[in-house]
């Protein structure tokens, strides 16, 4: 899978998303400008020691992203969408794009992706969910649909054994 962050502003969110991407073998695509530097301590704190294992790619703008990923199927996560994120049949190489925390994905981009705009249902009084939470919700649905390919499905206790 692929996660795209369009002009993310909060380093802790991007750090959390980076850690989730490492845990799920997901590529993280960052479209500039970023509201922080990638070496800031907030990113490292949120991403812990996983950041060095992250496949992260940066782009000057959305046009450069499209040039470098010409056949990408992109789902745009937005509160303005008509379709719920669970209505999509995700493929393993799909891209899911999220906008900046303060404004989302610009409508100038969204209008070209009407059929692939998706939303997370929520009460109408709420403007949006936290970015890193939103990425986790949608990404894990996409991974579930692909049967969590190559992911560990069982865990073990550290000191004791499970009862049989």
Protein backbone atom coordinates (compact mmCIF):
# COMPACT_ATOMS: atom_id res chain seq x y z
CA UNK A 1 0.00 0.00 0.00
CA UNK A 2 0.93 3.65 -0.32
CA UNK A 3 0.00 6.61 1.87
CA UNK A 4 0.28 10.15 0.50
CA UNK A 5 0.35 13.13 2.85
CA UNK A 6 -0.39 16.38 1.08
CA UNK A 7 1.48 19.21 2.80
CA UNK A 8 1.40 17.78 6.35
CA UNK A 9 1.82 20.41 9.06
CA UNK A 10 2.25 18.62 12.39
CA UNK A 11 5.45 16.61 12.85
CA UNK A 12 4.01 14.28 15.50
CA UNK A 13 1.24 13.19 13.12
CA UNK A 14 3.72 12.45 10.36
CA UNK A 15 5.94 10.58 12.83
CA UNK A 16 3.01 8.43 13.97
CA UNK A 17 2.01 7.77 10.36
CA UNK A 18 5.60 6.86 9.50
CA UNK A 19 5.67 4.31 12.32
CA UNK A 20 2.39 2.82 11.10
CA UNK A 21 3.81 2.64 7.57
CA UNK A 22 6.89 0.75 8.81
CA UNK A 23 4.67 -1.68 10.75
CA UNK A 24 2.58 -2.38 7.65
CA UNK A 25 5.26 -2.25 4.92
CA UNK A 26 3.55 0.80 3.42
CA UNK A 27 5.37 3.47 1.41
CA UNK A 28 4.92 7.04 2.68
CA UNK A 29 4.80 9.79 0.04
CA UNK A 30 5.17 13.39 1.27
CA UNK A 31 4.07 16.28 -0.92
CA UNK A 32 5.71 19.60 -0.03
CA UNK A 33 5.74 22.06 1.44
CA UNK A 34 6.03 20.34 4.81
CA UNK A 35 5.23 22.28 7.96
CA UNK A 36 8.42 20.96 9.58
CA UNK A 37 11.83 19.47 8.83
CA UNK A 38 12.12 15.69 8.67
CA UNK A 39 14.91 15.71 11.24
CA UNK A 40 12.84 17.42 13.96
CA UNK A 41 12.74 15.68 17.31
CA UNK A 42 8.91 15.50 17.28
CA UNK A 43 9.06 13.25 14.22
CA UNK A 44 11.70 11.06 15.76
CA UNK A 45 9.82 10.88 19.06
CA UNK A 46 6.55 9.86 17.41
CA UNK A 47 8.23 7.54 14.91
CA UNK A 48 10.54 6.18 17.62
CA UNK A 49 13.47 4.23 16.23
CA UNK A 50 11.43 3.01 13.26
CA UNK A 51 11.91 6.11 11.09
CA UNK A 52 15.20 4.83 9.63
CA UNK A 53 13.31 1.79 8.25
CA UNK A 54 10.63 3.87 6.54
CA UNK A 55 10.37 4.00 2.75
CA UNK A 56 9.59 7.71 2.46
CA UNK A 57 9.51 9.66 -0.80
CA UNK A 58 9.25 13.44 -1.18
CA UNK A 59 7.76 15.50 -3.98
CA UNK A 60 7.91 19.24 -4.63
CA UNK A 61 4.18 19.30 -5.50
CA UNK A 62 1.26 17.10 -6.55
CA UNK A 63 2.19 17.45 -10.23
CA UNK A 64 5.63 15.93 -9.55
CA UNK A 65 3.96 13.09 -7.65
CA UNK A 66 1.72 12.38 -10.67
CA UNK A 67 4.70 12.51 -13.06
CA UNK A 68 6.64 9.99 -10.98
CA UNK A 69 3.61 7.73 -10.33
CA UNK A 70 1.66 7.97 -13.61
CA UNK A 71 -0.51 4.86 -13.17
CA UNK A 72 -1.37 5.35 -9.51
CA UNK A 73 -4.91 4.61 -8.39
CA UNK A 74 -5.43 7.33 -5.80
CA UNK A 75 -8.19 7.39 -3.20
CA UNK A 76 -8.64 10.86 -1.73
CA UNK A 77 -9.66 10.88 1.93
CA UNK A 78 -11.87 13.90 2.51
CA UNK A 79 -14.88 14.91 4.56
CA UNK A 80 -16.41 16.14 1.28
CA UNK A 81 -16.66 12.66 -0.30
CA UNK A 82 -19.86 10.85 -1.27
CA UNK A 83 -18.41 7.36 -0.70
CA UNK A 84 -17.46 5.66 2.56
CA UNK A 85 -13.92 4.26 2.80
CA UNK A 86 -15.36 0.76 3.35
CA UNK A 87 -17.13 0.80 -0.04
CA UNK A 88 -13.82 0.60 -1.92
CA UNK A 89 -12.13 -2.60 -3.12
CA UNK A 90 -8.50 -1.72 -2.43
CA UNK A 91 -5.67 -3.36 -4.35
CA UNK A 92 -2.24 -3.92 -2.76
CA UNK A 93 -0.55 -1.16 -4.78
CA UNK A 94 -3.21 1.55 -4.35
CA UNK A 95 -2.52 5.01 -2.98
CA UNK A 96 -4.56 6.71 -0.26
CA UNK A 97 -4.08 10.47 0.01
CA UNK A 98 -4.74 12.66 3.03
CA UNK A 99 -4.63 16.45 3.17
CA UNK A 100 -2.97 18.83 5.55
CA UNK A 101 -4.38 19.07 9.05
CA UNK A 102 -5.75 22.60 8.75
CA UNK A 103 -7.45 22.41 5.35
CA UNK A 104 -7.47 18.90 3.88
CA UNK A 105 -6.89 18.26 0.18
CA UNK A 106 -7.59 21.33 -1.99
CA UNK A 107 -10.86 21.21 -3.91
CA UNK A 108 -8.90 21.97 -7.09
CA UNK A 109 -7.41 18.47 -6.75
CA UNK A 110 -10.55 16.74 -5.44
CA UNK A 111 -12.74 17.68 -8.42
CA UNK A 112 -10.63 15.45 -10.68
CA UNK A 113 -11.08 12.46 -8.34
CA UNK A 114 -14.80 12.55 -7.55
CA UNK A 115 -15.28 8.78 -7.91
CA UNK A 116 -12.28 7.91 -5.76
CA UNK A 117 -12.95 10.38 -2.95
CA UNK A 118 -13.68 8.53 0.29
CA UNK A 119 -14.76 9.59 3.75
CA UNK A 120 -14.79 8.23 7.28
CA UNK A 121 -18.30 8.57 8.72
CA UNK A 122 -18.61 10.83 11.76
CA UNK A 123 -21.10 13.10 13.43
CA UNK A 124 -21.83 16.30 11.48
CA UNK A 125 -20.72 18.55 14.36
CA UNK A 126 -17.14 17.30 14.03
CA UNK A 127 -14.98 18.95 11.36
CA UNK A 128 -12.46 16.10 11.04
CA UNK A 129 -10.56 13.37 12.84
CA UNK A 130 -6.88 13.50 13.74
CA UNK A 131 -4.74 12.85 10.66
CA UNK A 132 -2.76 9.91 12.04
CA UNK A 133 -5.98 8.27 13.30
CA UNK A 134 -7.61 8.73 9.90
CA UNK A 135 -4.65 7.16 8.11
CA UNK A 136 -4.76 4.17 10.45
CA UNK A 137 -8.50 3.64 10.01
CA UNK A 138 -8.40 3.63 6.21
CA UNK A 139 -5.04 1.88 5.81
CA UNK A 140 -6.05 -1.03 8.04
CA UNK A 141 -9.29 -1.47 6.11
CA UNK A 142 -7.28 -1.65 2.88
CA UNK A 143 -4.86 -4.13 4.46
CA UNK A 144 -7.74 -6.22 5.85
CA UNK A 145 -9.25 -6.46 2.38
CA UNK A 146 -5.90 -7.77 1.15
CA UNK A 147 -5.80 -10.35 3.97
CA UNK A 148 -2.95 -8.56 5.76
CA UNK A 149 -0.51 -9.97 3.20
CA UNK A 150 2.84 -10.98 4.74
CA UNK A 151 1.91 -9.50 8.13
CA UNK A 152 2.24 -11.34 11.43
CA UNK A 153 -1.21 -12.52 12.46
CA UNK A 154 -0.44 -14.06 15.87
CA UNK A 155 1.50 -12.88 18.86
CA UNK A 156 3.18 -14.54 21.81
CA UNK A 157 3.35 -13.58 25.47
CA UNK A 158 6.80 -12.49 26.68
CA UNK A 159 6.93 -14.31 30.01
CA UNK A 160 4.02 -16.75 30.10
CA UNK A 161 2.31 -19.09 27.67
CA UNK A 162 -1.27 -18.90 26.40
CA UNK A 163 -3.64 -21.48 27.93
CA UNK A 164 -4.70 -24.08 25.41
